PDB file of N, CA and C in Angstrom:
ATOM      1  N   UNK A   1      -7.121 -40.380 -31.341  1.00  0.00           N
ATOM      2  CA  UNK A   1      -7.814 -39.260 -31.914  1.00  0.00           C
ATOM      3  C   UNK A   1      -8.575 -38.484 -30.850  1.00  0.00           C
ATOM      4  N   UNK A   2      -9.198 -39.221 -29.950  1.00  0.00           N
ATOM      5  CA  UNK A   2      -9.975 -38.580 -28.891  1.00  0.00           C
ATOM      6  C   UNK A   2      -9.078 -37.753 -27.967  1.00  0.00           C
ATOM      7  N   UNK A   3      -7.884 -38.264 -27.642  1.00  0.00           N
ATOM      8  CA  UNK A   3      -6.968 -37.539 -26.762  1.00  0.00           C
ATOM      9  C   UNK A   3      -6.498 -36.235 -27.406  1.00  0.00           C
ATOM     10  N   UNK A   4      -6.365 -36.216 -28.715  1.00  0.00           N
ATOM     11  CA  UNK A   4      -5.973 -34.990 -29.417  1.00  0.00           C
ATOM     12  C   UNK A   4      -7.080 -33.944 -29.289  1.00  0.00           C
ATOM     13  N   UNK A   5      -8.318 -34.377 -29.393  1.00  0.00           N
ATOM     14  CA  UNK A   5      -9.453 -33.461 -29.256  1.00  0.00           C
ATOM     15  C   UNK A   5      -9.523 -32.900 -27.831  1.00  0.00           C
ATOM     16  N   UNK A   6      -9.248 -33.737 -26.866  1.00  0.00           N
ATOM     17  CA  UNK A   6      -9.260 -33.289 -25.463  1.00  0.00           C
ATOM     18  C   UNK A   6      -8.141 -32.281 -25.230  1.00  0.00           C
ATOM     19  N   UNK A   7      -6.951 -32.558 -25.746  1.00  0.00           N
ATOM     20  CA  UNK A   7      -5.832 -31.621 -25.611  1.00  0.00           C
ATOM     21  C   UNK A   7      -6.136 -30.291 -26.286  1.00  0.00           C
ATOM     22  N   UNK A   8      -6.749 -30.350 -27.449  1.00  0.00           N
ATOM     23  CA  UNK A   8      -7.106 -29.117 -28.166  1.00  0.00           C
ATOM     24  C   UNK A   8      -8.117 -28.314 -27.365  1.00  0.00           C
ATOM     25  N   UNK A   9      -9.091 -28.972 -26.761  1.00  0.00           N
ATOM     26  CA  UNK A   9     -10.105 -28.288 -25.954  1.00  0.00           C
ATOM     27  C   UNK A   9      -9.462 -27.659 -24.716  1.00  0.00           C
ATOM     28  N   UNK A  10      -8.556 -28.384 -24.074  1.00  0.00           N
ATOM     29  CA  UNK A  10      -7.855 -27.844 -22.903  1.00  0.00           C
ATOM     30  C   UNK A  10      -7.019 -26.626 -23.279  1.00  0.00           C
ATOM     31  N   UNK A  11      -6.362 -26.696 -24.420  1.00  0.00           N
ATOM     32  CA  UNK A  11      -5.562 -25.571 -24.892  1.00  0.00           C
ATOM     33  C   UNK A  11      -6.422 -24.352 -25.159  1.00  0.00           C
ATOM     34  N   UNK A  12      -7.590 -24.560 -25.742  1.00  0.00           N
ATOM     35  CA  UNK A  12      -8.495 -23.442 -26.029  1.00  0.00           C
ATOM     36  C   UNK A  12      -9.000 -22.812 -24.735  1.00  0.00           C
ATOM     37  N   UNK A  13      -9.355 -23.637 -23.770  1.00  0.00           N
ATOM     38  CA  UNK A  13      -9.818 -23.125 -22.475  1.00  0.00           C
ATOM     39  C   UNK A  13      -8.696 -22.356 -21.778  1.00  0.00           C
ATOM     40  N   UNK A  14      -7.478 -22.900 -21.808  1.00  0.00           N
ATOM     41  CA  UNK A  14      -6.347 -22.228 -21.172  1.00  0.00           C
ATOM     42  C   UNK A  14      -6.059 -20.894 -21.850  1.00  0.00           C
ATOM     43  N   UNK A  15      -6.171 -20.853 -23.168  1.00  0.00           N
ATOM     44  CA  UNK A  15      -5.904 -19.611 -23.896  1.00  0.00           C
ATOM     45  C   UNK A  15      -6.898 -18.519 -23.519  1.00  0.00           C
ATOM     46  N   UNK A  16      -8.106 -18.901 -23.172  1.00  0.00           N
ATOM     47  CA  UNK A  16      -9.128 -17.922 -22.788  1.00  0.00           C
ATOM     48  C   UNK A  16      -8.990 -17.539 -21.317  1.00  0.00           C
ATOM     49  N   UNK A  17      -8.722 -18.492 -20.452  1.00  0.00           N
ATOM     50  CA  UNK A  17      -8.725 -18.232 -19.016  1.00  0.00           C
ATOM     51  C   UNK A  17      -7.450 -17.603 -18.479  1.00  0.00           C
ATOM     52  N   UNK A  18      -6.291 -17.931 -19.031  1.00  0.00           N
ATOM     53  CA  UNK A  18      -5.038 -17.401 -18.494  1.00  0.00           C
ATOM     54  C   UNK A  18      -4.977 -15.875 -18.503  1.00  0.00           C
ATOM     55  N   UNK A  19      -5.362 -15.194 -19.574  1.00  0.00           N
ATOM     56  CA  UNK A  19      -5.349 -13.726 -19.506  1.00  0.00           C
ATOM     57  C   UNK A  19      -6.313 -13.182 -18.450  1.00  0.00           C
ATOM     58  N   UNK A  20      -7.440 -13.837 -18.251  1.00  0.00           N
ATOM     59  CA  UNK A  20      -8.395 -13.390 -17.240  1.00  0.00           C
ATOM     60  C   UNK A  20      -7.826 -13.544 -15.837  1.00  0.00           C
ATOM     61  N   UNK A  21      -7.128 -14.645 -15.603  1.00  0.00           N
ATOM     62  CA  UNK A  21      -6.503 -14.880 -14.302  1.00  0.00           C
ATOM     63  C   UNK A  21      -5.416 -13.839 -14.055  1.00  0.00           C
ATOM     64  N   UNK A  22      -4.631 -13.537 -15.070  1.00  0.00           N
ATOM     65  CA  UNK A  22      -3.561 -12.544 -14.921  1.00  0.00           C
ATOM     66  C   UNK A  22      -4.135 -11.179 -14.579  1.00  0.00           C
ATOM     67  N   UNK A  23      -5.210 -10.776 -15.212  1.00  0.00           N
ATOM     68  CA  UNK A  23      -5.846  -9.484 -14.919  1.00  0.00           C
ATOM     69  C   UNK A  23      -6.418  -9.499 -13.513  1.00  0.00           C
ATOM     70  N   UNK A  24      -7.055 -10.577 -13.133  1.00  0.00           N
ATOM     71  CA  UNK A  24      -7.646 -10.664 -11.794  1.00  0.00           C
ATOM     72  C   UNK A  24      -6.584 -10.573 -10.715  1.00  0.00           C
ATOM     73  N   UNK A  25      -5.392 -11.105 -10.973  1.00  0.00           N
ATOM     74  CA  UNK A  25      -4.333 -11.066  -9.969  1.00  0.00           C
ATOM     75  C   UNK A  25      -3.711  -9.685  -9.846  1.00  0.00           C
ATOM     76  N   UNK A  26      -3.654  -8.915 -10.901  1.00  0.00           N
ATOM     77  CA  UNK A  26      -3.009  -7.606 -10.837  1.00  0.00           C
ATOM     78  C   UNK A  26      -3.955  -6.500 -10.406  1.00  0.00           C
ATOM     79  N   UNK A  27      -5.234  -6.654 -10.568  1.00  0.00           N
ATOM     80  CA  UNK A  27      -6.181  -5.590 -10.265  1.00  0.00           C
ATOM     81  C   UNK A  27      -6.169  -5.166  -8.796  1.00  0.00           C
ATOM     82  N   UNK A  28      -6.207  -6.080  -7.797  1.00  0.00           N
ATOM     83  CA  UNK A  28      -6.204  -5.624  -6.404  1.00  0.00           C
ATOM     84  C   UNK A  28      -4.955  -4.826  -6.049  1.00  0.00           C
ATOM     85  N   UNK A  29      -3.796  -5.219  -6.555  1.00  0.00           N
ATOM     86  CA  UNK A  29      -2.572  -4.498  -6.235  1.00  0.00           C
ATOM     87  C   UNK A  29      -2.639  -3.085  -6.788  1.00  0.00           C
ATOM     88  N   UNK A  30      -3.101  -2.925  -8.000  1.00  0.00           N
ATOM     89  CA  UNK A  30      -3.227  -1.607  -8.604  1.00  0.00           C
ATOM     90  C   UNK A  30      -4.216  -0.763  -7.806  1.00  0.00           C
ATOM     91  N   UNK A  31      -5.323  -1.355  -7.419  1.00  0.00           N
ATOM     92  CA  UNK A  31      -6.308  -0.631  -6.616  1.00  0.00           C
ATOM     93  C   UNK A  31      -5.710  -0.213  -5.290  1.00  0.00           C
ATOM     94  N   UNK A  32      -4.958  -1.092  -4.653  1.00  0.00           N
ATOM     95  CA  UNK A  32      -4.335  -0.773  -3.381  1.00  0.00           C
ATOM     96  C   UNK A  32      -3.346   0.373  -3.540  1.00  0.00           C
ATOM     97  N   UNK A  33      -2.558   0.352  -4.599  1.00  0.00           N
ATOM     98  CA  UNK A  33      -1.596   1.425  -4.826  1.00  0.00           C
ATOM     99  C   UNK A  33      -2.302   2.746  -5.057  1.00  0.00           C
ATOM    100  N   UNK A  34      -3.368   2.738  -5.836  1.00  0.00           N
ATOM    101  CA  UNK A  34      -4.080   3.992  -6.079  1.00  0.00           C
ATOM    102  C   UNK A  34      -4.782   4.465  -4.817  1.00  0.00           C
ATOM    103  N   UNK A  35      -5.275   3.534  -4.011  1.00  0.00           N
ATOM    104  CA  UNK A  35      -5.878   3.915  -2.731  1.00  0.00           C
ATOM    105  C   UNK A  35      -4.837   4.569  -1.825  1.00  0.00           C
ATOM    106  N   UNK A  36      -3.644   3.991  -1.784  1.00  0.00           N
ATOM    107  CA  UNK A  36      -2.572   4.556  -0.964  1.00  0.00           C
ATOM    108  C   UNK A  36      -2.177   5.935  -1.483  1.00  0.00           C
ATOM    109  N   UNK A  37      -2.130   6.093  -2.796  1.00  0.00           N
ATOM    110  CA  UNK A  37      -1.807   7.399  -3.365  1.00  0.00           C
ATOM    111  C   UNK A  37      -2.871   8.423  -2.998  1.00  0.00           C
ATOM    112  N   UNK A  38      -4.125   8.012  -3.028  1.00  0.00           N
ATOM    113  CA  UNK A  38      -5.215   8.904  -2.649  1.00  0.00           C
ATOM    114  C   UNK A  38      -5.083   9.324  -1.196  1.00  0.00           C
ATOM    115  N   UNK A  39      -4.788   8.362  -0.332  1.00  0.00           N
ATOM    116  CA  UNK A  39      -4.604   8.670   1.089  1.00  0.00           C
ATOM    117  C   UNK A  39      -3.490   9.696   1.254  1.00  0.00           C
ATOM    118  N   UNK A  40      -2.360   9.478   0.577  1.00  0.00           N
ATOM    119  CA  UNK A  40      -1.216  10.370   0.769  1.00  0.00           C
ATOM    120  C   UNK A  40      -1.418  11.729   0.135  1.00  0.00           C
ATOM    121  N   UNK A  41      -2.214  11.819  -0.909  1.00  0.00           N
ATOM    122  CA  UNK A  41      -2.546  13.141  -1.448  1.00  0.00           C
ATOM    123  C   UNK A  41      -3.355  13.933  -0.424  1.00  0.00           C
ATOM    124  N   UNK A  42      -4.276  13.253   0.237  1.00  0.00           N
ATOM    125  CA  UNK A  42      -5.080  13.909   1.269  1.00  0.00           C
ATOM    126  C   UNK A  42      -4.236  14.232   2.500  1.00  0.00           C
ATOM    127  N   UNK A  43      -3.312  13.333   2.844  1.00  0.00           N
ATOM    128  CA  UNK A  43      -2.427  13.564   3.989  1.00  0.00           C
ATOM    129  C   UNK A  43      -1.582  14.810   3.745  1.00  0.00           C
ATOM    130  N   UNK A  44      -1.006  14.912   2.555  1.00  0.00           N
ATOM    131  CA  UNK A  44      -0.183  16.083   2.235  1.00  0.00           C
ATOM    132  C   UNK A  44      -1.004  17.357   2.292  1.00  0.00           C
ATOM    133  N   UNK A  45      -2.221  17.291   1.783  1.00  0.00           N
ATOM    134  CA  UNK A  45      -3.072  18.471   1.747  1.00  0.00           C
ATOM    135  C   UNK A  45      -3.518  18.948   3.113  1.00  0.00           C
ATOM    136  N   UNK A  46      -3.601  18.037   4.046  1.00  0.00           N
ATOM    137  CA  UNK A  46      -4.048  18.401   5.394  1.00  0.00           C
ATOM    138  C   UNK A  46      -3.010  17.971   6.431  1.00  0.00           C
ATOM    139  N   UNK A  47      -1.738  18.215   6.150  1.00  0.00           N
ATOM    140  CA  UNK A  47      -0.663  17.727   7.002  1.00  0.00           C
ATOM    141  C   UNK A  47      -0.771  18.265   8.420  1.00  0.00           C
ATOM    142  N   UNK A  48      -1.159  19.513   8.591  1.00  0.00           N
ATOM    143  CA  UNK A  48      -1.253  20.064   9.948  1.00  0.00           C
ATOM    144  C   UNK A  48      -2.259  19.292  10.786  1.00  0.00           C
ATOM    145  N   UNK A  49      -3.377  18.887  10.209  1.00  0.00           N
ATOM    146  CA  UNK A  49      -4.352  18.091  10.946  1.00  0.00           C
ATOM    147  C   UNK A  49      -3.891  16.645  11.096  1.00  0.00           C
ATOM    148  N   UNK A  50      -3.184  16.142  10.110  1.00  0.00           N
ATOM    149  CA  UNK A  50      -2.757  14.743  10.121  1.00  0.00           C
ATOM    150  C   UNK A  50      -1.613  14.504  11.102  1.00  0.00           C
ATOM    151  N   UNK A  51      -0.827  15.540  11.377  1.00  0.00           N
ATOM    152  CA  UNK A  51       0.314  15.382  12.289  1.00  0.00           C
ATOM    153  C   UNK A  51      -0.133  14.818  13.638  1.00  0.00           C
ATOM    154  N   UNK A  52      -1.293  15.241  14.088  1.00  0.00           N
ATOM    155  CA  UNK A  52      -1.797  14.730  15.364  1.00  0.00           C
ATOM    156  C   UNK A  52      -2.035  13.231  15.331  1.00  0.00           C
ATOM    157  N   UNK A  53      -2.612  12.750  14.231  1.00  0.00           N
ATOM    158  CA  UNK A  53      -2.870  11.306  14.102  1.00  0.00           C
ATOM    159  C   UNK A  53      -1.563  10.530  14.004  1.00  0.00           C
ATOM    160  N   UNK A  54      -0.582  11.107  13.310  1.00  0.00           N
ATOM    161  CA  UNK A  54       0.723  10.453  13.192  1.00  0.00           C
ATOM    162  C   UNK A  54       1.406  10.408  14.553  1.00  0.00           C
ATOM    163  N   UNK A  55       1.356  11.514  15.258  1.00  0.00           N
ATOM    164  CA  UNK A  55       1.985  11.597  16.586  1.00  0.00           C
ATOM    165  C   UNK A  55       1.310  10.626  17.566  1.00  0.00           C
ATOM    166  N   UNK A  56      -0.004  10.485  17.418  1.00  0.00           N
ATOM    167  CA  UNK A  56      -0.740   9.548  18.276  1.00  0.00           C
ATOM    168  C   UNK A  56      -0.324   8.109  17.997  1.00  0.00           C
ATOM    169  N   UNK A  57      -0.132   7.780  16.723  1.00  0.00           N
ATOM    170  CA  UNK A  57       0.261   6.420  16.337  1.00  0.00           C
ATOM    171  C   UNK A  57       1.714   6.133  16.690  1.00  0.00           C
ATOM    172  N   UNK A  58       2.603   7.106  16.439  1.00  0.00           N
ATOM    173  CA  UNK A  58       4.031   6.923  16.659  1.00  0.00           C
ATOM    174  C   UNK A  58       4.519   8.040  17.580  1.00  0.00           C
ATOM    175  N   UNK A  59       4.314   7.862  18.869  1.00  0.00           N
ATOM    176  CA  UNK A  59       4.611   8.888  19.860  1.00  0.00           C
ATOM    177  C   UNK A  59       6.078   9.264  19.987  1.00  0.00           C
ATOM    178  N   UNK A  60       6.984   8.423  19.521  1.00  0.00           N
ATOM    179  CA  UNK A  60       8.404   8.736  19.623  1.00  0.00           C
ATOM    180  C   UNK A  60       8.879   9.728  18.555  1.00  0.00           C
ATOM    181  N   UNK A  61       8.013  10.022  17.581  1.00  0.00           N
ATOM    182  CA  UNK A  61       8.385  11.013  16.579  1.00  0.00           C
ATOM    183  C   UNK A  61       8.323  12.399  17.205  1.00  0.00           C
ATOM    184  N   UNK A  62       9.332  13.209  16.930  1.00  0.00           N
ATOM    185  CA  UNK A  62       9.397  14.551  17.502  1.00  0.00           C
ATOM    186  C   UNK A  62       8.704  15.549  16.578  1.00  0.00           C
ATOM    187  N   UNK A  63       8.491  16.765  17.091  1.00  0.00           N
ATOM    188  CA  UNK A  63       7.918  17.816  16.263  1.00  0.00           C
ATOM    189  C   UNK A  63       8.834  18.130  15.079  1.00  0.00           C
ATOM    190  N   UNK A  64      10.140  18.065  15.305  1.00  0.00           N
ATOM    191  CA  UNK A  64      11.091  18.277  14.211  1.00  0.00           C
ATOM    192  C   UNK A  64      10.952  17.181  13.145  1.00  0.00           C
ATOM    193  N   UNK A  65      10.721  15.944  13.590  1.00  0.00           N
ATOM    194  CA  UNK A  65      10.502  14.846  12.647  1.00  0.00           C
ATOM    195  C   UNK A  65       9.270  15.142  11.789  1.00  0.00           C
ATOM    196  N   UNK A  66       8.207  15.577  12.432  1.00  0.00           N
ATOM    197  CA  UNK A  66       6.969  15.857  11.710  1.00  0.00           C
ATOM    198  C   UNK A  66       7.140  17.006  10.725  1.00  0.00           C
ATOM    199  N   UNK A  67       7.945  17.999  11.096  1.00  0.00           N
ATOM    200  CA  UNK A  67       8.235  19.088  10.155  1.00  0.00           C
ATOM    201  C   UNK A  67       9.005  18.571   8.942  1.00  0.00           C
ATOM    202  N   UNK A  68       9.942  17.665   9.181  1.00  0.00           N
ATOM    203  CA  UNK A  68      10.755  17.119   8.093  1.00  0.00           C
ATOM    204  C   UNK A  68       9.929  16.207   7.179  1.00  0.00           C
ATOM    205  N   UNK A  69       8.974  15.506   7.736  1.00  0.00           N
ATOM    206  CA  UNK A  69       8.163  14.558   6.964  1.00  0.00           C
ATOM    207  C   UNK A  69       7.276  15.285   5.954  1.00  0.00           C
ATOM    208  N   UNK A  70       6.619  16.339   6.383  1.00  0.00           N
ATOM    209  CA  UNK A  70       5.759  17.167   5.529  1.00  0.00           C
ATOM    210  C   UNK A  70       4.792  16.359   4.674  1.00  0.00           C
ATOM    211  N   UNK A  71       4.235  15.289   5.203  1.00  0.00           N
ATOM    212  CA  UNK A  71       3.249  14.510   4.467  1.00  0.00           C
ATOM    213  C   UNK A  71       3.814  13.548   3.447  1.00  0.00           C
ATOM    214  N   UNK A  72       5.103  13.290   3.484  1.00  0.00           N
ATOM    215  CA  UNK A  72       5.720  12.367   2.524  1.00  0.00           C
ATOM    216  C   UNK A  72       5.881  10.987   3.153  1.00  0.00           C
ATOM    217  N   UNK A  73       5.326  10.002   2.494  1.00  0.00           N
ATOM    218  CA  UNK A  73       5.304   8.633   3.014  1.00  0.00           C
ATOM    219  C   UNK A  73       6.707   8.099   3.252  1.00  0.00           C
ATOM    220  N   UNK A  74       7.599   8.266   2.282  1.00  0.00           N
ATOM    221  CA  UNK A  74       8.942   7.711   2.414  1.00  0.00           C
ATOM    222  C   UNK A  74       9.680   8.330   3.603  1.00  0.00           C
ATOM    223  N   UNK A  75       9.448   9.612   3.853  1.00  0.00           N
ATOM    224  CA  UNK A  75      10.063  10.267   5.009  1.00  0.00           C
ATOM    225  C   UNK A  75       9.500   9.714   6.318  1.00  0.00           C
ATOM    226  N   UNK A  76       8.195   9.473   6.343  1.00  0.00           N
ATOM    227  CA  UNK A  76       7.565   8.904   7.537  1.00  0.00           C
ATOM    228  C   UNK A  76       8.148   7.522   7.835  1.00  0.00           C
ATOM    229  N   UNK A  77       8.255   6.697   6.816  1.00  0.00           N
ATOM    230  CA  UNK A  77       8.812   5.349   7.000  1.00  0.00           C
ATOM    231  C   UNK A  77      10.229   5.435   7.546  1.00  0.00           C
ATOM    232  N   UNK A  78      11.032   6.319   6.984  1.00  0.00           N
ATOM    233  CA  UNK A  78      12.419   6.469   7.439  1.00  0.00           C
ATOM    234  C   UNK A  78      12.524   6.935   8.880  1.00  0.00           C
ATOM    235  N   UNK A  79      11.676   7.887   9.255  1.00  0.00           N
ATOM    236  CA  UNK A  79      11.707   8.395  10.638  1.00  0.00           C
ATOM    237  C   UNK A  79      11.246   7.324  11.624  1.00  0.00           C
ATOM    238  N   UNK A  80      10.231   6.559  11.246  1.00  0.00           N
ATOM    239  CA  UNK A  80       9.767   5.471  12.116  1.00  0.00           C
ATOM    240  C   UNK A  80      10.882   4.444  12.284  1.00  0.00           C
ATOM    241  N   UNK A  81      11.527   4.119  11.199  1.00  0.00           N
ATOM    242  CA  UNK A  81      12.630   3.157  11.239  1.00  0.00           C
ATOM    243  C   UNK A  81      13.723   3.636  12.188  1.00  0.00           C
ATOM    244  N   UNK A  82      14.070   4.907  12.089  1.00  0.00           N
ATOM    245  CA  UNK A  82      15.132   5.466  12.923  1.00  0.00           C
ATOM    246  C   UNK A  82      14.725   5.536  14.383  1.00  0.00           C
ATOM    247  N   UNK A  83      13.566   6.115  14.663  1.00  0.00           N
ATOM    248  CA  UNK A  83      13.136   6.329  16.056  1.00  0.00           C
ATOM    249  C   UNK A  83      12.869   5.032  16.804  1.00  0.00           C
ATOM    250  N   UNK A  84      12.329   4.048  16.099  1.00  0.00           N
ATOM    251  CA  UNK A  84      11.956   2.804  16.763  1.00  0.00           C
ATOM    252  C   UNK A  84      12.994   1.699  16.598  1.00  0.00           C
ATOM    253  N   UNK A  85      14.028   1.954  15.799  1.00  0.00           N
ATOM    254  CA  UNK A  85      15.086   0.959  15.612  1.00  0.00           C
ATOM    255  C   UNK A  85      14.595  -0.330  14.990  1.00  0.00           C
ATOM    256  N   UNK A  86      13.731  -0.204  13.988  1.00  0.00           N
ATOM    257  CA  UNK A  86      13.176  -1.382  13.329  1.00  0.00           C
ATOM    258  C   UNK A  86      13.625  -1.395  11.866  1.00  0.00           C
ATOM    259  N   UNK A  87      13.370  -2.508  11.211  1.00  0.00           N
ATOM    260  CA  UNK A  87      13.747  -2.629   9.800  1.00  0.00           C
ATOM    261  C   UNK A  87      12.834  -1.774   8.929  1.00  0.00           C
ATOM    262  N   UNK A  88      13.314  -1.485   7.742  1.00  0.00           N
ATOM    263  CA  UNK A  88      12.506  -0.708   6.788  1.00  0.00           C
ATOM    264  C   UNK A  88      11.204  -1.452   6.480  1.00  0.00           C
ATOM    265  N   UNK A  89      11.288  -2.769   6.354  1.00  0.00           N
ATOM    266  CA  UNK A  89      10.109  -3.577   6.048  1.00  0.00           C
ATOM    267  C   UNK A  89       9.070  -3.478   7.166  1.00  0.00           C
ATOM    268  N   UNK A  90       9.536  -3.506   8.423  1.00  0.00           N
ATOM    269  CA  UNK A  90       8.614  -3.390   9.553  1.00  0.00           C
ATOM    270  C   UNK A  90       7.961  -2.005   9.576  1.00  0.00           C
ATOM    271  N   UNK A  91       8.751  -0.975   9.291  1.00  0.00           N
ATOM    272  CA  UNK A  91       8.202   0.384   9.246  1.00  0.00           C
ATOM    273  C   UNK A  91       7.194   0.512   8.106  1.00  0.00           C
ATOM    274  N   UNK A  92       7.519  -0.070   6.952  1.00  0.00           N
ATOM    275  CA  UNK A  92       6.594  -0.058   5.814  1.00  0.00           C
ATOM    276  C   UNK A  92       5.287  -0.748   6.185  1.00  0.00           C
ATOM    277  N   UNK A  93       5.390  -1.868   6.890  1.00  0.00           N
ATOM    278  CA  UNK A  93       4.191  -2.601   7.298  1.00  0.00           C
ATOM    279  C   UNK A  93       3.330  -1.769   8.237  1.00  0.00           C
ATOM    280  N   UNK A  94       3.953  -1.082   9.196  1.00  0.00           N
ATOM    281  CA  UNK A  94       3.199  -0.241  10.118  1.00  0.00           C
ATOM    282  C   UNK A  94       2.490   0.884   9.383  1.00  0.00           C
ATOM    283  N   UNK A  95       3.179   1.511   8.457  1.00  0.00           N
ATOM    284  CA  UNK A  95       2.570   2.603   7.692  1.00  0.00           C
ATOM    285  C   UNK A  95       1.445   2.053   6.817  1.00  0.00           C
ATOM    286  N   UNK A  96       1.624   0.863   6.269  1.00  0.00           N
ATOM    287  CA  UNK A  96       0.571   0.239   5.466  1.00  0.00           C
ATOM    288  C   UNK A  96      -0.700   0.012   6.266  1.00  0.00           C
ATOM    289  N   UNK A  97      -0.557  -0.461   7.488  1.00  0.00           N
ATOM    290  CA  UNK A  97      -1.723  -0.665   8.359  1.00  0.00           C
ATOM    291  C   UNK A  97      -2.378   0.674   8.663  1.00  0.00           C
ATOM    292  N   UNK A  98      -1.565   1.687   8.941  1.00  0.00           N
ATOM    293  CA  UNK A  98      -2.076   3.024   9.235  1.00  0.00           C
ATOM    294  C   UNK A  98      -2.823   3.591   8.025  1.00  0.00           C
ATOM    295  N   UNK A  99      -2.265   3.380   6.827  1.00  0.00           N
ATOM    296  CA  UNK A  99      -2.930   3.842   5.593  1.00  0.00           C
ATOM    297  C   UNK A  99      -4.313   3.224   5.448  1.00  0.00           C
ATOM    298  N   UNK A 100      -4.404   1.912   5.675  1.00  0.00           N
ATOM    299  CA  UNK A 100      -5.684   1.234   5.545  1.00  0.00           C
ATOM    300  C   UNK A 100      -6.698   1.798   6.523  1.00  0.00           C
ATOM    301  N   UNK A 101      -6.257   2.078   7.728  1.00  0.00           N
ATOM    302  CA  UNK A 101      -7.150   2.674   8.729  1.00  0.00           C
ATOM    303  C   UNK A 101      -7.598   4.057   8.280  1.00  0.00           C
ATOM    304  N   UNK A 102      -6.682   4.848   7.767  1.00  0.00           N
ATOM    305  CA  UNK A 102      -7.019   6.191   7.280  1.00  0.00           C
ATOM    306  C   UNK A 102      -7.991   6.127   6.113  1.00  0.00           C
ATOM    307  N   UNK A 103      -7.799   5.135   5.244  1.00  0.00           N
ATOM    308  CA  UNK A 103      -8.674   4.977   4.085  1.00  0.00           C
ATOM    309  C   UNK A 103     -10.095   4.675   4.539  1.00  0.00           C
ATOM    310  N   UNK A 104     -10.232   3.843   5.558  1.00  0.00           N
ATOM    311  CA  UNK A 104     -11.562   3.527   6.082  1.00  0.00           C
ATOM    312  C   UNK A 104     -12.206   4.740   6.729  1.00  0.00           C
ATOM    313  N   UNK A 105     -11.397   5.594   7.352  1.00  0.00           N
ATOM    314  CA  UNK A 105     -11.910   6.780   8.040  1.00  0.00           C
ATOM    315  C   UNK A 105     -12.347   7.885   7.068  1.00  0.00           C
ATOM    316  N   UNK A 106     -11.858   7.821   5.819  1.00  0.00           N
ATOM    317  CA  UNK A 106     -12.157   8.891   4.857  1.00  0.00           C
ATOM    318  C   UNK A 106     -13.536   8.770   4.282  1.00  0.00           C
TER     319      UNK A 106
END
């Protein structure tokens, strides 16, 4: 009888805590995505000023590359991948680090 009461108590605790854990796990990712979107909205809006920072970070990008990118993240990742001969994942990682730095600077 006692073990049934313990199981019932564990089930009740799990029913309350599992949704909280699920929300806690998804919140940082959502915040990160919205932060990245905010960064890229600002990048697009001030692309002429941002081109210098991009060129400083990735010096192998040409002026034509920067014209083609026009503040679009996916274009930047693709150009970095092409110019540096790296995987898409590596280019994504580099842009992610750059985004975080830009977010801190804002």
